Structure formats: structure tokens, C-alpha cells
Amino acid sequence: MVSSRFQFVEDHRGAFGVKRLCRILTVSRSGFYRWLAGASARAGRARADAELAEHINRIHQESDGTYGVPRVTAELKEAGRPVNHKRVERVMHMFHIVGLHLRKKVRTTIPEPWATLVPDLLQRDFAAQEPNTKYVGSGSRRESHPPAPTEPCVTVSRYTALVTLVTSSRSGTSASARTCPGIAG
């Protein structure tokens, strides 16, 4: 962070000089002096944020810890203290004040009851004895149209439409190239 580098220059400027420290830390001298001139303004904002945090904490305590950013902002505005919701959010985050979350976590990966599982042909053994015998990909992208249960599909990348598949048959293992359904080309 740049301000910590400026603070380092401020702390050691007597021993090494501003020019040398700014060159070593790759910060501009004009930026350092601008940062130095704004120290009183930063201290004032920190005091104002601490005062606002006291008001927010009081409102939060009165609501038994349930109010979040929107309600705290509304309460502050009702009390005659006009404040932006973004500032309230920043101050609450800085002072670790969190409202109550009542919503349940949405579960999006519920399998259909009629869907058959794709067989695990590798039996969770991903180490290959020789090159080009096992292909694995990320299953993190959920397709809008999943492949048919009889056609196992491995998505190698988000933009790949042609995927090499290793399918198992009774006569042995054969490799074939197919386009997986549901992947945009």
C-alpha cells in the first residue's frame, strides 16, 4: 500500500533523506509531500468516522444487533444526521459491526430425481501411467443444458466446444472427439 510506504519515508527521513527513500521505495516525492500535507485532513476524517461508529453502534445495540446498513442509514437520517449509505457500510465494516442475516443459503445444485449418474470411469484415480490416457477437466461451470446421461462430457475450458472424451466400452477403452451439448461454440 502506498500510504504505508509514505509512512516509512516519514519515519526514516531524518536518517536517509526523502529523495533517496522515495527512489528506493518507487514513490514520487511530490506524492509524499501531498500525503504529508493531507495528514490533518485524514486525522479529522478518522475522528469523524470514530464518532459515526459510536452512533452506529448505539443504533445497532438498540436493535439487538439486527440492523444492517440500510436500516442504520435510515435511522441516522431520521436523527438529523445526513450520511451516505456507502460511508455507513465502510464504517460498519471497519469497526466490525454486522447486522443479522435471516435469509437461508440458496442451494442451486439440486439433482433431478430422474437423472442418472454419470459413471466414474477413472475411479477417482487421476494419475496417468503414460501420456494421453486420462483426461480430466473442471466441473465448476454448470451448463444450462446438461449432456444426456448416456454421453459423459468433460468441459476442459469455458470456451472449448470440442472435447476429447475417453469412453469405456466392453471391448476396451476408445478415445473419441465430440461436441458436448450445452457448450457455446
Protein backbone atom coordinates (compact mmCIF):
# COMPACT_ATOMS: atom_id res chain seq x y z
CA MET A 1 0.00 0.00 0.00
CA VAL A 2 1.34 3.41 -0.94
CA SER A 3 0.42 5.16 2.32
CA SER A 4 2.47 2.68 4.33
CA ARG A 5 5.46 3.45 2.08
CA PHE A 6 4.88 7.15 2.67
CA GLN A 7 4.73 6.46 6.39
CA PHE A 8 8.05 4.63 6.14
CA VAL A 9 9.59 7.66 4.38
CA GLU A 10 8.20 9.91 7.12
CA ASP A 11 9.63 7.70 9.87
CA HIS A 12 13.14 7.45 8.35
CA ARG A 13 13.56 10.77 6.53
CA GLY A 14 15.98 12.13 9.14
CA ALA A 15 18.43 9.27 8.71
CA PHE A 16 18.37 8.73 4.91
CA GLY A 17 16.69 11.71 3.26
CA VAL A 18 13.40 11.93 1.40
CA LYS A 19 14.87 11.80 -2.10
CA ARG A 20 16.78 8.55 -1.53
CA LEU A 21 13.92 6.82 0.29
CA CYS A 22 11.38 7.78 -2.38
CA ARG A 23 13.69 6.47 -5.11
CA ILE A 24 14.26 3.16 -3.30
CA LEU A 25 10.57 2.67 -2.49
CA THR A 26 9.50 3.80 -6.00
CA VAL A 27 7.17 6.55 -4.84
CA SER A 28 7.18 10.14 -6.03
CA ARG A 29 8.45 12.91 -3.80
CA SER A 30 5.53 15.12 -4.79
CA GLY A 31 3.16 12.34 -3.76
CA PHE A 32 4.94 12.04 -0.41
CA TYR A 33 4.64 15.78 0.28
CA ARG A 34 0.98 15.75 -0.82
CA TRP A 35 0.39 12.82 1.59
CA LEU A 36 2.20 14.75 4.33
CA ALA A 37 0.06 17.86 3.74
CA GLY A 38 -3.14 15.79 3.99
CA ALA A 39 -2.28 14.26 7.38
CA SER A 40 -4.52 16.64 9.34
CA ALA A 41 -7.46 16.00 6.98
CA ARG A 42 -7.00 12.23 7.35
CA ALA A 43 -6.90 12.57 11.13
CA GLY A 44 -10.10 14.62 11.04
CA ARG A 45 -11.84 12.01 8.89
CA ALA A 46 -10.69 9.27 11.27
CA ARG A 47 -12.15 11.20 14.23
CA ALA A 48 -15.41 11.76 12.34
CA ASP A 49 -15.56 8.05 11.42
CA ALA A 50 -14.97 7.06 15.07
CA GLU A 51 -17.77 9.42 16.15
CA LEU A 52 -20.08 8.00 13.47
CA ALA A 53 -19.16 4.48 14.61
CA GLU A 54 -20.33 5.35 18.13
CA HIS A 55 -23.72 6.46 16.76
CA ILE A 56 -23.93 3.37 14.55
CA ASN A 57 -23.03 1.11 17.45
CA ARG A 58 -25.72 2.71 19.64
CA ILE A 59 -28.36 2.22 16.92
CA HIS A 60 -27.12 -1.33 16.37
CA GLN A 61 -27.34 -2.11 20.11
CA GLU A 62 -30.87 -0.67 20.36
CA SER A 63 -31.97 -3.01 17.57
CA ASP A 64 -30.48 -6.02 19.42
CA GLY A 65 -27.84 -6.37 16.73
CA THR A 66 -30.30 -6.86 13.89
CA TYR A 67 -29.99 -3.64 11.86
CA GLY A 68 -27.74 -3.64 8.85
CA VAL A 69 -26.53 -0.83 6.59
CA PRO A 70 -29.91 0.25 5.09
CA ARG A 71 -31.75 0.50 8.40
CA VAL A 72 -28.83 2.14 10.22
CA THR A 73 -28.60 4.71 7.40
CA ALA A 74 -32.34 5.39 7.68
CA GLU A 75 -32.09 5.79 11.47
CA LEU A 76 -29.19 8.22 11.13
CA LYS A 77 -31.12 10.28 8.59
CA GLU A 78 -34.19 10.32 10.89
CA ALA A 79 -31.99 11.56 13.73
CA GLY A 80 -30.97 14.50 11.54
CA ARG A 81 -27.54 13.22 10.60
CA PRO A 82 -27.45 13.03 6.78
CA VAL A 83 -24.99 10.35 5.77
CA ASN A 84 -24.38 8.26 2.67
CA HIS A 85 -25.08 4.52 2.84
CA LYS A 86 -21.63 3.82 1.38
CA ARG A 87 -19.96 5.62 4.27
CA VAL A 88 -22.12 3.75 6.76
CA GLU A 89 -21.13 0.48 5.09
CA ARG A 90 -17.43 1.39 5.19
CA VAL A 91 -17.54 2.43 8.86
CA MET A 92 -19.52 -0.66 9.88
CA HIS A 93 -17.02 -2.86 8.07
CA MET A 94 -14.07 -1.02 9.62
CA PHE A 95 -15.44 -1.37 13.16
CA HIS A 96 -16.76 -4.94 12.64
CA ILE A 97 -20.45 -4.10 13.12
CA VAL A 98 -22.62 -6.66 11.31
CA GLY A 99 -26.39 -6.90 11.05
CA LEU A 100 -28.43 -10.08 11.28
CA HIS A 101 -28.76 -12.21 8.11
CA LEU A 102 -32.07 -14.07 8.05
CA ARG A 103 -32.04 -15.42 4.52
CA LYS A 104 -31.26 -19.05 4.02
CA LYS A 105 -28.42 -20.02 1.75
CA VAL A 106 -29.74 -20.81 -1.71
CA ARG A 107 -28.91 -24.31 -2.85
CA THR A 108 -28.59 -24.31 -6.63
CA THR A 109 -27.20 -27.76 -7.36
CA ILE A 110 -30.15 -29.98 -6.58
CA PRO A 111 -30.06 -33.02 -8.87
CA GLU A 112 -33.17 -34.03 -10.72
CA PRO A 113 -34.70 -37.23 -9.34
CA TRP A 114 -34.86 -38.80 -12.82
CA ALA A 115 -31.22 -38.04 -13.69
CA THR A 116 -28.88 -40.99 -13.78
CA LEU A 117 -25.38 -40.55 -12.51
CA VAL A 118 -22.52 -40.49 -15.00
CA PRO A 119 -20.19 -43.40 -14.20
CA ASP A 120 -16.82 -42.60 -12.67
CA LEU A 121 -14.58 -44.25 -15.25
CA LEU A 122 -11.36 -43.20 -13.51
CA GLN A 123 -12.46 -44.41 -10.08
CA ARG A 124 -11.04 -41.15 -8.61
CA ASP A 125 -7.52 -42.15 -9.75
CA PHE A 126 -6.24 -39.18 -11.76
CA ALA A 127 -2.60 -40.25 -12.04
CA ALA A 128 -1.82 -41.50 -15.56
CA GLN A 129 0.83 -44.13 -16.22
CA GLU A 130 1.57 -42.77 -19.71
CA PRO A 131 0.63 -39.61 -21.66
CA ASN A 132 -2.75 -39.25 -23.40
CA THR A 133 -4.52 -41.95 -21.41
CA LYS A 134 -6.59 -39.88 -18.94
CA TYR A 135 -8.24 -36.52 -19.50
CA VAL A 136 -9.72 -34.51 -16.65
CA GLY A 137 -11.43 -31.12 -16.54
CA SER A 138 -13.17 -28.78 -14.16
CA GLY A 139 -16.82 -29.39 -13.47
CA SER A 140 -17.23 -25.98 -11.85
CA ARG A 141 -19.29 -24.47 -14.69
CA ARG A 142 -22.92 -25.51 -14.60
CA GLU A 143 -24.38 -25.94 -18.07
CA SER A 144 -27.87 -24.72 -18.94
CA HIS A 145 -28.46 -27.91 -20.93
CA PRO A 146 -26.60 -30.80 -19.31
CA PRO A 147 -25.43 -33.66 -21.53
CA ALA A 148 -27.57 -36.72 -21.90
CA PRO A 149 -26.85 -39.37 -19.25
CA THR A 150 -25.53 -41.76 -21.91
CA GLU A 151 -22.93 -39.24 -23.16
CA PRO A 152 -20.41 -38.32 -20.44
CA CYS A 153 -18.86 -34.90 -21.09
CA VAL A 154 -15.83 -33.19 -19.59
CA THR A 155 -15.53 -29.44 -20.03
CA VAL A 156 -11.84 -28.62 -20.43
CA SER A 157 -12.32 -24.87 -20.56
CA ARG A 158 -15.16 -22.42 -20.75
CA TYR A 159 -14.56 -21.65 -24.41
CA THR A 160 -13.80 -25.13 -25.69
CA ALA A 161 -16.55 -26.79 -27.68
CA LEU A 162 -14.61 -29.80 -28.89
CA VAL A 163 -13.54 -32.06 -26.08
CA THR A 164 -11.68 -35.32 -26.16
CA LEU A 165 -13.65 -37.93 -24.34
CA VAL A 166 -12.50 -41.22 -23.04
CA THR A 167 -15.37 -43.63 -23.08
CA SER A 168 -15.36 -47.10 -21.80
CA SER A 169 -16.78 -49.97 -23.74
CA ARG A 170 -16.79 -53.70 -23.14
CA SER A 171 -14.12 -54.26 -25.75
CA GLY A 172 -11.72 -51.75 -24.14
CA THR A 173 -11.12 -48.03 -23.92
CA SER A 174 -11.54 -45.89 -27.00
CA ALA A 175 -10.96 -42.15 -27.43
CA SER A 176 -13.37 -40.10 -29.50
CA ALA A 177 -13.88 -36.40 -30.16
CA ARG A 178 -17.41 -34.97 -29.81
CA THR A 179 -19.08 -31.67 -29.25
CA CYS A 180 -20.62 -31.51 -25.79
CA PRO A 181 -24.23 -30.31 -25.74
CA GLY A 182 -24.80 -27.09 -23.87
CA ILE A 183 -21.40 -25.55 -24.56
CA ALA A 184 -21.39 -22.45 -26.71
CA GLY A 185 -19.02 -22.72 -29.65
